[in-house]
Amino acid sequence: MSEERAGGGLIIFGTFIIGLVLSQIPMPDMLIWARPAWVVLVLIYWTMALPHRIGVSSAFLLGLVMDLVRGSVLGLNALSMTIIAFLVLVLYKRMRMFPLWQQSGLILVLVGINQLLFHWMQGITGTTSESLFFLLPAAVSALVWPWLFLLLRNIRRVFHIA
């Protein structure tokens, strides 16, 4: 049983690393706002699927890593991801019961909250833009969610992560 948990931890860690890499892949300037919030999506999935293993503290650490990788003010991503993880922990039983299209709607709201919090905190630090394009990743993330959910669920089932 302990080997299964250790392997599961490495798989979860690996999915977070892949999310971080996908969030940093260079894109054309036209499409930079259309990038899904990969790390937030992976965090939402694992918090929803394994709330006893992935939660607020994991989200805080992951947010700090995101701040370091992006070079943003330390704590901006950490705070917004912690709030999102808390909301998912409050809603995870309901989220599991929703069909994928309703989950996508909730993902639109959760990633939108994440984007709004991050944009608001950037405004406080004086590094924000004036357009509403910062909300576009929420819509793109909602469109990507069903495929990402199915992929991560299959990974969890194949590797017997519990």
C-alpha atoms as a PDB file:
ATOM      1  CA  MET A   1       0.000   0.000   0.000  1.00  0.00           C
ATOM      2  CA  SER A   2       2.794   2.477   0.770  1.00  0.00           C
ATOM      3  CA  GLU A   3       4.412   1.836  -2.629  1.00  0.00           C
ATOM      4  CA  GLU A   4       1.098   2.636  -4.278  1.00  0.00           C
ATOM      5  CA  ARG A   5       0.850   5.968  -2.440  1.00  0.00           C
ATOM      6  CA  ALA A   6       4.461   6.906  -3.189  1.00  0.00           C
ATOM      7  CA  GLY A   7       3.938   6.173  -6.885  1.00  0.00           C
ATOM      8  CA  GLY A   8       0.720   8.106  -6.793  1.00  0.00           C
ATOM      9  CA  GLY A   9       2.503  11.086  -5.293  1.00  0.00           C
ATOM     10  CA  LEU A  10       5.063  11.037  -8.087  1.00  0.00           C
ATOM     11  CA  ILE A  11       2.328  10.869 -10.718  1.00  0.00           C
ATOM     12  CA  ILE A  12       0.482  13.803  -9.135  1.00  0.00           C
ATOM     13  CA  PHE A  13       3.735  15.768  -8.925  1.00  0.00           C
ATOM     14  CA  GLY A  14       4.438  14.917 -12.561  1.00  0.00           C
ATOM     15  CA  THR A  15       1.054  16.241 -13.686  1.00  0.00           C
ATOM     16  CA  PHE A  16       1.736  19.503 -11.861  1.00  0.00           C
ATOM     17  CA  ILE A  17       5.130  19.749 -13.579  1.00  0.00           C
ATOM     18  CA  ILE A  18       3.501  19.136 -16.969  1.00  0.00           C
ATOM     19  CA  GLY A  19       0.946  21.856 -16.150  1.00  0.00           C
ATOM     20  CA  LEU A  20       3.772  24.245 -15.275  1.00  0.00           C
ATOM     21  CA  VAL A  21       5.575  23.451 -18.532  1.00  0.00           C
ATOM     22  CA  LEU A  22       2.386  23.921 -20.583  1.00  0.00           C
ATOM     23  CA  SER A  23       1.796  27.264 -18.896  1.00  0.00           C
ATOM     24  CA  GLN A  24       5.251  28.494 -19.949  1.00  0.00           C
ATOM     25  CA  ILE A  25       5.404  27.357 -23.577  1.00  0.00           C
ATOM     26  CA  PRO A  26       5.965  30.422 -25.792  1.00  0.00           C
ATOM     27  CA  MET A  27       2.971  31.481 -27.855  1.00  0.00           C
ATOM     28  CA  PRO A  28       2.374  34.199 -30.444  1.00  0.00           C
ATOM     29  CA  ASP A  29       1.322  37.553 -28.987  1.00  0.00           C
ATOM     30  CA  MET A  30      -2.145  37.169 -30.521  1.00  0.00           C
ATOM     31  CA  LEU A  31      -2.817  33.928 -28.630  1.00  0.00           C
ATOM     32  CA  ILE A  32      -1.124  34.658 -25.313  1.00  0.00           C
ATOM     33  CA  TRP A  33      -4.462  35.503 -23.668  1.00  0.00           C
ATOM     34  CA  ALA A  34      -6.069  32.309 -25.020  1.00  0.00           C
ATOM     35  CA  ARG A  35      -3.763  29.989 -23.043  1.00  0.00           C
ATOM     36  CA  PRO A  36      -5.733  27.751 -20.664  1.00  0.00           C
ATOM     37  CA  ALA A  37      -4.868  28.025 -16.979  1.00  0.00           C
ATOM     38  CA  TRP A  38      -3.186  24.599 -17.002  1.00  0.00           C
ATOM     39  CA  VAL A  39      -1.842  24.646 -13.461  1.00  0.00           C
ATOM     40  CA  VAL A  40      -5.155  25.792 -12.012  1.00  0.00           C
ATOM     41  CA  LEU A  41      -7.013  23.105 -13.968  1.00  0.00           C
ATOM     42  CA  VAL A  42      -4.696  20.358 -12.731  1.00  0.00           C
ATOM     43  CA  LEU A  43      -4.998  21.705  -9.183  1.00  0.00           C
ATOM     44  CA  ILE A  44      -8.796  21.730  -9.422  1.00  0.00           C
ATOM     45  CA  TYR A  45      -8.852  18.151 -10.694  1.00  0.00           C
ATOM     46  CA  TRP A  46      -6.585  16.722  -7.992  1.00  0.00           C
ATOM     47  CA  THR A  47      -8.307  18.704  -5.246  1.00  0.00           C
ATOM     48  CA  MET A  48     -11.668  17.433  -6.445  1.00  0.00           C
ATOM     49  CA  ALA A  49     -10.500  13.838  -6.927  1.00  0.00           C
ATOM     50  CA  LEU A  50      -8.270  13.513  -3.832  1.00  0.00           C
ATOM     51  CA  PRO A  51      -9.311  16.151  -1.282  1.00  0.00           C
ATOM     52  CA  HIS A  52      -7.561  14.221   1.508  1.00  0.00           C
ATOM     53  CA  ARG A  53      -4.187  14.532  -0.272  1.00  0.00           C
ATOM     54  CA  ILE A  54      -4.285  17.759  -2.278  1.00  0.00           C
ATOM     55  CA  GLY A  55      -5.669  20.880  -0.665  1.00  0.00           C
ATOM     56  CA  VAL A  56      -4.934  24.390   0.470  1.00  0.00           C
ATOM     57  CA  SER A  57      -1.314  23.810   1.504  1.00  0.00           C
ATOM     58  CA  SER A  58      -0.518  22.092  -1.795  1.00  0.00           C
ATOM     59  CA  ALA A  59      -2.137  24.989  -3.643  1.00  0.00           C
ATOM     60  CA  PHE A  60      -0.079  27.505  -1.674  1.00  0.00           C
ATOM     61  CA  LEU A  61       3.191  25.720  -2.476  1.00  0.00           C
ATOM     62  CA  LEU A  62       2.209  25.333  -6.116  1.00  0.00           C
ATOM     63  CA  GLY A  63       1.323  29.039  -6.248  1.00  0.00           C
ATOM     64  CA  LEU A  64       4.727  29.966  -4.837  1.00  0.00           C
ATOM     65  CA  VAL A  65       6.372  27.827  -7.523  1.00  0.00           C
ATOM     66  CA  MET A  66       4.234  29.588 -10.150  1.00  0.00           C
ATOM     67  CA  ASP A  67       5.338  32.958  -8.781  1.00  0.00           C
ATOM     68  CA  LEU A  68       8.976  31.921  -9.037  1.00  0.00           C
ATOM     69  CA  VAL A  69       8.584  30.507 -12.539  1.00  0.00           C
ATOM     70  CA  ARG A  70       6.683  33.510 -13.873  1.00  0.00           C
ATOM     71  CA  GLY A  71       8.800  36.063 -12.050  1.00  0.00           C
ATOM     72  CA  SER A  72       5.751  37.763 -10.559  1.00  0.00           C
ATOM     73  CA  VAL A  73       5.456  39.289  -7.114  1.00  0.00           C
ATOM     74  CA  LEU A  74       5.906  36.494  -4.592  1.00  0.00           C
ATOM     75  CA  GLY A  75       2.559  35.397  -3.234  1.00  0.00           C
ATOM     76  CA  LEU A  76       0.175  36.570  -5.968  1.00  0.00           C
ATOM     77  CA  ASN A  77      -0.384  33.144  -7.505  1.00  0.00           C
ATOM     78  CA  ALA A  78      -0.075  31.522  -4.090  1.00  0.00           C
ATOM     79  CA  LEU A  79      -2.978  33.503  -2.660  1.00  0.00           C
ATOM     80  CA  SER A  80      -5.262  33.115  -5.663  1.00  0.00           C
ATOM     81  CA  MET A  81      -4.586  29.364  -5.967  1.00  0.00           C
ATOM     82  CA  THR A  82      -5.129  28.893  -2.227  1.00  0.00           C
ATOM     83  CA  ILE A  83      -8.544  30.534  -2.490  1.00  0.00           C
ATOM     84  CA  ILE A  84      -9.442  28.377  -5.504  1.00  0.00           C
ATOM     85  CA  ALA A  85      -8.369  25.202  -3.660  1.00  0.00           C
ATOM     86  CA  PHE A  86     -10.497  26.238  -0.687  1.00  0.00           C
ATOM     87  CA  LEU A  87     -13.528  26.787  -2.938  1.00  0.00           C
ATOM     88  CA  VAL A  88     -12.997  23.396  -4.580  1.00  0.00           C
ATOM     89  CA  LEU A  89     -12.711  21.737  -1.156  1.00  0.00           C
ATOM     90  CA  VAL A  90     -16.042  23.289  -0.222  1.00  0.00           C
ATOM     91  CA  LEU A  91     -17.674  22.196  -3.509  1.00  0.00           C
ATOM     92  CA  TYR A  92     -15.927  18.915  -4.380  1.00  0.00           C
ATOM     93  CA  LYS A  93     -18.842  16.613  -3.443  1.00  0.00           C
ATOM     94  CA  ARG A  94     -21.169  18.582  -5.682  1.00  0.00           C
ATOM     95  CA  MET A  95     -18.610  18.843  -8.472  1.00  0.00           C
ATOM     96  CA  ARG A  96     -18.229  15.057  -8.581  1.00  0.00           C
ATOM     97  CA  MET A  97     -21.957  14.679  -9.176  1.00  0.00           C
ATOM     98  CA  PHE A  98     -22.147  17.178 -12.033  1.00  0.00           C
ATOM     99  CA  PRO A  99     -21.907  16.015 -15.647  1.00  0.00           C
ATOM    100  CA  LEU A 100     -18.893  17.323 -17.548  1.00  0.00           C
ATOM    101  CA  TRP A 101     -20.731  20.207 -19.178  1.00  0.00           C
ATOM    102  CA  GLN A 102     -21.844  21.514 -15.768  1.00  0.00           C
ATOM    103  CA  GLN A 103     -18.351  21.009 -14.418  1.00  0.00           C
ATOM    104  CA  SER A 104     -17.103  23.118 -17.332  1.00  0.00           C
ATOM    105  CA  GLY A 105     -19.456  25.893 -16.271  1.00  0.00           C
ATOM    106  CA  LEU A 106     -18.110  25.716 -12.735  1.00  0.00           C
ATOM    107  CA  ILE A 107     -14.551  25.691 -14.103  1.00  0.00           C
ATOM    108  CA  LEU A 108     -15.401  28.876 -16.018  1.00  0.00           C
ATOM    109  CA  VAL A 109     -16.416  30.477 -12.721  1.00  0.00           C
ATOM    110  CA  LEU A 110     -13.476  29.126 -10.675  1.00  0.00           C
ATOM    111  CA  VAL A 111     -10.797  30.041 -13.214  1.00  0.00           C
ATOM    112  CA  GLY A 112     -12.545  33.394 -13.699  1.00  0.00           C
ATOM    113  CA  ILE A 113     -12.304  33.998  -9.946  1.00  0.00           C
ATOM    114  CA  ASN A 114      -8.630  33.018 -10.087  1.00  0.00           C
ATOM    115  CA  GLN A 115      -7.998  35.422 -12.958  1.00  0.00           C
ATOM    116  CA  LEU A 116      -9.915  38.235 -11.241  1.00  0.00           C
ATOM    117  CA  LEU A 117      -8.034  37.757  -7.968  1.00  0.00           C
ATOM    118  CA  PHE A 118      -4.681  37.685  -9.740  1.00  0.00           C
ATOM    119  CA  HIS A 119      -5.557  40.743 -11.848  1.00  0.00           C
ATOM    120  CA  TRP A 120      -6.808  42.616  -8.777  1.00  0.00           C
ATOM    121  CA  MET A 121      -3.619  41.842  -6.853  1.00  0.00           C
ATOM    122  CA  GLN A 122      -1.539  42.907  -9.851  1.00  0.00           C
ATOM    123  CA  GLY A 123      -3.475  46.174  -9.836  1.00  0.00           C
ATOM    124  CA  ILE A 124      -2.542  46.718  -6.206  1.00  0.00           C
ATOM    125  CA  THR A 125       1.139  46.197  -7.035  1.00  0.00           C
ATOM    126  CA  GLY A 126       0.835  48.445 -10.113  1.00  0.00           C
ATOM    127  CA  THR A 127       1.532  45.848 -12.833  1.00  0.00           C
ATOM    128  CA  THR A 128      -1.824  45.427 -14.537  1.00  0.00           C
ATOM    129  CA  SER A 129      -3.351  46.062 -17.945  1.00  0.00           C
ATOM    130  CA  GLU A 130      -6.539  47.935 -18.761  1.00  0.00           C
ATOM    131  CA  SER A 131      -8.272  45.348 -20.975  1.00  0.00           C
ATOM    132  CA  LEU A 132     -10.611  42.511 -20.068  1.00  0.00           C
ATOM    133  CA  PHE A 133      -8.602  39.968 -22.038  1.00  0.00           C
ATOM    134  CA  PHE A 134      -7.355  38.556 -18.738  1.00  0.00           C
ATOM    135  CA  LEU A 135     -10.715  36.719 -18.433  1.00  0.00           C
ATOM    136  CA  LEU A 136     -10.267  34.841 -21.739  1.00  0.00           C
ATOM    137  CA  PRO A 137      -8.265  31.974 -20.137  1.00  0.00           C
ATOM    138  CA  ALA A 138     -11.345  31.158 -18.042  1.00  0.00           C
ATOM    139  CA  ALA A 139     -13.411  30.486 -21.175  1.00  0.00           C
ATOM    140  CA  VAL A 140     -10.629  28.509 -22.852  1.00  0.00           C
ATOM    141  CA  SER A 141     -10.066  26.496 -19.658  1.00  0.00           C
ATOM    142  CA  ALA A 142     -13.771  25.640 -19.536  1.00  0.00           C
ATOM    143  CA  LEU A 143     -13.537  24.310 -23.103  1.00  0.00           C
ATOM    144  CA  VAL A 144     -10.418  22.244 -22.301  1.00  0.00           C
ATOM    145  CA  TRP A 145     -11.772  20.879 -18.989  1.00  0.00           C
ATOM    146  CA  PRO A 146     -13.714  17.804 -20.283  1.00  0.00           C
ATOM    147  CA  TRP A 147     -10.669  16.390 -22.099  1.00  0.00           C
ATOM    148  CA  LEU A 148      -8.278  17.185 -19.268  1.00  0.00           C
ATOM    149  CA  PHE A 149     -10.688  15.667 -16.745  1.00  0.00           C
ATOM    150  CA  LEU A 150     -10.966  12.435 -18.730  1.00  0.00           C
ATOM    151  CA  LEU A 151      -7.186  12.259 -19.231  1.00  0.00           C
ATOM    152  CA  LEU A 152      -6.367  12.787 -15.546  1.00  0.00           C
ATOM    153  CA  ARG A 153      -9.117  10.401 -14.449  1.00  0.00           C
ATOM    154  CA  ASN A 154      -7.694   7.689 -16.701  1.00  0.00           C
ATOM    155  CA  ILE A 155      -4.201   8.347 -15.321  1.00  0.00           C
ATOM    156  CA  ARG A 156      -5.566   8.080 -11.776  1.00  0.00           C
ATOM    157  CA  ARG A 157      -7.303   4.797 -12.574  1.00  0.00           C
ATOM    158  CA  VAL A 158      -4.384   3.224 -14.448  1.00  0.00           C
ATOM    159  CA  PHE A 159      -1.916   3.988 -11.658  1.00  0.00           C
ATOM    160  CA  HIS A 160      -4.453   3.215  -8.869  1.00  0.00           C
ATOM    161  CA  ILE A 161      -3.948   6.578  -7.172  1.00  0.00           C
ATOM    162  CA  ALA A 162      -6.130   6.897  -4.095  1.00  0.00           C
END
